[in-house]
Amino acid sequence: MSDHRPPVLGPAVDDETRCIHWSSPLDVVAMRFACCGAYYPCDACHEEAAGHRIATWPADARDERGAMCGVCGHELTIAEYGVAAACPACAAPFNPGCALHWHRYFDGPPPAA
């Protein structure tokens, strides 16, 4: 694990960024929100704890770091995250169902694999 990983905010976060809303073995991605630059495990955690409305990342921000692997702390660009089935640094698998929620965090379609 990275000793210098950014904090992940929100209710009931474990050491691998799972939360009270998403807690399967594959739910190990924290999302960085465009509105505040903070990491939360999911949009519901942000809604409950941030005190402001969610703003999605614009489609031209694909080079911004928008996700973090909860296993090793590796930060992924939005473009990297959009095509990753697993962390490129530690190979921890990501929940494939997260792709269904792309629109909650990012404008435009996900990058093509």
C-alpha atoms as a PDB file:
ATOM      1  CA  MET A   1       0.000   0.000   0.000  1.00  0.00           C
ATOM      2  CA  SER A   2       1.135   3.535  -0.673  1.00  0.00           C
ATOM      3  CA  ASP A   3       2.128   5.483   2.436  1.00  0.00           C
ATOM      4  CA  HIS A   4       1.241   8.686   0.612  1.00  0.00           C
ATOM      5  CA  ARG A   5      -2.218   7.881  -0.651  1.00  0.00           C
ATOM      6  CA  PRO A   6      -4.795  10.667  -0.507  1.00  0.00           C
ATOM      7  CA  PRO A   7      -7.477  10.303   2.160  1.00  0.00           C
ATOM      8  CA  VAL A   8     -10.762   8.687   1.181  1.00  0.00           C
ATOM      9  CA  LEU A   9     -13.753  10.359   2.798  1.00  0.00           C
ATOM     10  CA  GLY A  10     -17.201   9.007   3.567  1.00  0.00           C
ATOM     11  CA  PRO A  11     -19.048   6.631   5.866  1.00  0.00           C
ATOM     12  CA  ALA A  12     -17.582   3.257   6.922  1.00  0.00           C
ATOM     13  CA  VAL A  13     -14.588   3.183   4.603  1.00  0.00           C
ATOM     14  CA  ASP A  14     -12.310   0.162   5.105  1.00  0.00           C
ATOM     15  CA  ASP A  15      -8.607   0.039   4.286  1.00  0.00           C
ATOM     16  CA  GLU A  16      -9.362  -0.803   0.651  1.00  0.00           C
ATOM     17  CA  THR A  17     -11.974   1.966   0.121  1.00  0.00           C
ATOM     18  CA  ARG A  18     -15.114  -0.144   0.449  1.00  0.00           C
ATOM     19  CA  CYS A  19     -18.094   1.674   1.907  1.00  0.00           C
ATOM     20  CA  ILE A  20     -21.516   1.084   3.391  1.00  0.00           C
ATOM     21  CA  HIS A  21     -23.019   1.161  -0.123  1.00  0.00           C
ATOM     22  CA  TRP A  22     -20.538  -1.041  -2.025  1.00  0.00           C
ATOM     23  CA  SER A  23     -18.590  -3.682  -0.140  1.00  0.00           C
ATOM     24  CA  SER A  24     -17.902  -6.680  -2.376  1.00  0.00           C
ATOM     25  CA  PRO A  25     -14.325  -7.959  -2.689  1.00  0.00           C
ATOM     26  CA  LEU A  26     -14.117  -6.105  -6.038  1.00  0.00           C
ATOM     27  CA  ASP A  27     -15.288  -2.709  -4.715  1.00  0.00           C
ATOM     28  CA  VAL A  28     -11.791  -1.321  -4.273  1.00  0.00           C
ATOM     29  CA  VAL A  29     -11.922   1.895  -6.304  1.00  0.00           C
ATOM     30  CA  ALA A  30     -12.314   5.354  -4.818  1.00  0.00           C
ATOM     31  CA  MET A  31     -13.472   8.142  -7.101  1.00  0.00           C
ATOM     32  CA  ARG A  32     -12.016  11.650  -7.100  1.00  0.00           C
ATOM     33  CA  PHE A  33     -14.765  14.200  -7.594  1.00  0.00           C
ATOM     34  CA  ALA A  34     -14.381  17.128  -9.974  1.00  0.00           C
ATOM     35  CA  CYS A  35     -16.360  19.433  -7.693  1.00  0.00           C
ATOM     36  CA  CYS A  36     -14.038  19.196  -4.690  1.00  0.00           C
ATOM     37  CA  GLY A  37     -10.992  17.154  -5.683  1.00  0.00           C
ATOM     38  CA  ALA A  38     -11.659  14.746  -2.803  1.00  0.00           C
ATOM     39  CA  TYR A  39     -11.814  10.969  -2.985  1.00  0.00           C
ATOM     40  CA  TYR A  40     -14.947   9.129  -1.868  1.00  0.00           C
ATOM     41  CA  PRO A  41     -15.772   5.435  -2.326  1.00  0.00           C
ATOM     42  CA  CYS A  42     -18.918   6.267  -4.312  1.00  0.00           C
ATOM     43  CA  ASP A  43     -21.337   9.008  -5.293  1.00  0.00           C
ATOM     44  CA  ALA A  44     -23.702   8.143  -2.420  1.00  0.00           C
ATOM     45  CA  CYS A  45     -20.868   8.618   0.098  1.00  0.00           C
ATOM     46  CA  HIS A  46     -20.111  12.002  -1.489  1.00  0.00           C
ATOM     47  CA  GLU A  47     -23.786  12.967  -1.338  1.00  0.00           C
ATOM     48  CA  GLU A  48     -24.003  12.072   2.345  1.00  0.00           C
ATOM     49  CA  ALA A  49     -20.763  13.677   3.495  1.00  0.00           C
ATOM     50  CA  ALA A  50     -19.565  16.443   1.171  1.00  0.00           C
ATOM     51  CA  GLY A  51     -22.145  19.148   1.804  1.00  0.00           C
ATOM     52  CA  HIS A  52     -22.339  20.149  -1.867  1.00  0.00           C
ATOM     53  CA  ARG A  53     -23.676  18.814  -5.161  1.00  0.00           C
ATOM     54  CA  ILE A  54     -21.664  16.451  -7.314  1.00  0.00           C
ATOM     55  CA  ALA A  55     -20.052  17.841 -10.441  1.00  0.00           C
ATOM     56  CA  THR A  56     -18.949  15.342 -13.087  1.00  0.00           C
ATOM     57  CA  TRP A  57     -15.584  15.515 -14.825  1.00  0.00           C
ATOM     58  CA  PRO A  58     -15.878  17.099 -18.290  1.00  0.00           C
ATOM     59  CA  ALA A  59     -15.171  14.885 -21.293  1.00  0.00           C
ATOM     60  CA  ASP A  60     -11.966  16.830 -22.032  1.00  0.00           C
ATOM     61  CA  ALA A  61     -10.475  15.982 -18.606  1.00  0.00           C
ATOM     62  CA  ARG A  62      -9.453  12.393 -19.418  1.00  0.00           C
ATOM     63  CA  ASP A  63      -5.846  13.096 -18.312  1.00  0.00           C
ATOM     64  CA  GLU A  64      -6.945  14.060 -14.775  1.00  0.00           C
ATOM     65  CA  ARG A  65      -6.481  11.554 -11.966  1.00  0.00           C
ATOM     66  CA  GLY A  66     -10.071  10.538 -11.274  1.00  0.00           C
ATOM     67  CA  ALA A  67      -9.834   7.129  -9.584  1.00  0.00           C
ATOM     68  CA  MET A  68      -7.641   5.369  -7.062  1.00  0.00           C
ATOM     69  CA  CYS A  69      -7.048   1.689  -6.401  1.00  0.00           C
ATOM     70  CA  GLY A  70      -7.984   1.010  -2.804  1.00  0.00           C
ATOM     71  CA  VAL A  71      -5.608  -1.944  -2.591  1.00  0.00           C
ATOM     72  CA  CYS A  72      -2.340  -0.185  -3.464  1.00  0.00           C
ATOM     73  CA  GLY A  73      -3.214   3.528  -3.634  1.00  0.00           C
ATOM     74  CA  HIS A  74      -2.308   3.900  -7.324  1.00  0.00           C
ATOM     75  CA  GLU A  75      -4.108   6.880  -8.869  1.00  0.00           C
ATOM     76  CA  LEU A  76      -5.437   6.345 -12.378  1.00  0.00           C
ATOM     77  CA  THR A  77      -6.261   8.935 -14.970  1.00  0.00           C
ATOM     78  CA  ILE A  78      -9.863   8.952 -16.104  1.00  0.00           C
ATOM     79  CA  ALA A  79      -8.739   7.485 -19.439  1.00  0.00           C
ATOM     80  CA  GLU A  80      -6.854   4.665 -17.686  1.00  0.00           C
ATOM     81  CA  TYR A  81      -9.734   3.916 -15.356  1.00  0.00           C
ATOM     82  CA  GLY A  82     -12.198   3.852 -18.245  1.00  0.00           C
ATOM     83  CA  VAL A  83     -10.490   0.815 -19.790  1.00  0.00           C
ATOM     84  CA  ALA A  84      -9.129  -0.917 -16.671  1.00  0.00           C
ATOM     85  CA  ALA A  85     -10.519  -4.257 -15.544  1.00  0.00           C
ATOM     86  CA  ALA A  86      -7.856  -4.280 -12.829  1.00  0.00           C
ATOM     87  CA  CYS A  87      -5.317  -1.943 -11.276  1.00  0.00           C
ATOM     88  CA  PRO A  88      -2.387  -1.390 -13.651  1.00  0.00           C
ATOM     89  CA  ALA A  89      -0.017  -1.207 -10.660  1.00  0.00           C
ATOM     90  CA  CYS A  90      -1.018  -4.190  -8.471  1.00  0.00           C
ATOM     91  CA  ALA A  91      -3.463  -6.171 -10.673  1.00  0.00           C
ATOM     92  CA  ALA A  92      -6.276  -6.037  -8.084  1.00  0.00           C
ATOM     93  CA  PRO A  93      -9.482  -6.700 -10.038  1.00  0.00           C
ATOM     94  CA  PHE A  94     -12.082  -3.932 -10.213  1.00  0.00           C
ATOM     95  CA  ASN A  95     -15.847  -4.457 -10.116  1.00  0.00           C
ATOM     96  CA  PRO A  96     -17.003  -4.648 -13.770  1.00  0.00           C
ATOM     97  CA  GLY A  97     -20.417  -3.366 -12.670  1.00  0.00           C
ATOM     98  CA  CYS A  98     -18.901   0.043 -11.951  1.00  0.00           C
ATOM     99  CA  ALA A  99     -19.004   0.767 -15.681  1.00  0.00           C
ATOM    100  CA  LEU A 100     -22.780   1.113 -15.321  1.00  0.00           C
ATOM    101  CA  HIS A 101     -22.187   4.188 -13.129  1.00  0.00           C
ATOM    102  CA  TRP A 102     -19.706   6.004 -15.405  1.00  0.00           C
ATOM    103  CA  HIS A 103     -22.200   8.826 -16.039  1.00  0.00           C
ATOM    104  CA  ARG A 104     -22.348   9.631 -12.308  1.00  0.00           C
ATOM    105  CA  TYR A 105     -18.702  10.703 -12.321  1.00  0.00           C
ATOM    106  CA  PHE A 106     -17.728  11.557 -15.904  1.00  0.00           C
ATOM    107  CA  ASP A 107     -19.310  13.343 -18.875  1.00  0.00           C
ATOM    108  CA  GLY A 108     -19.323  11.579 -22.219  1.00  0.00           C
ATOM    109  CA  PRO A 109     -18.937   7.890 -22.943  1.00  0.00           C
ATOM    110  CA  PRO A 110     -16.162   5.802 -21.395  1.00  0.00           C
ATOM    111  CA  PRO A 111     -13.026   5.405 -23.491  1.00  0.00           C
ATOM    112  CA  ALA A 112     -12.995   2.452 -25.905  1.00  0.00           C
ATOM    113  CA  ALA A 113     -10.867  -0.445 -24.712  1.00  0.00           C
END
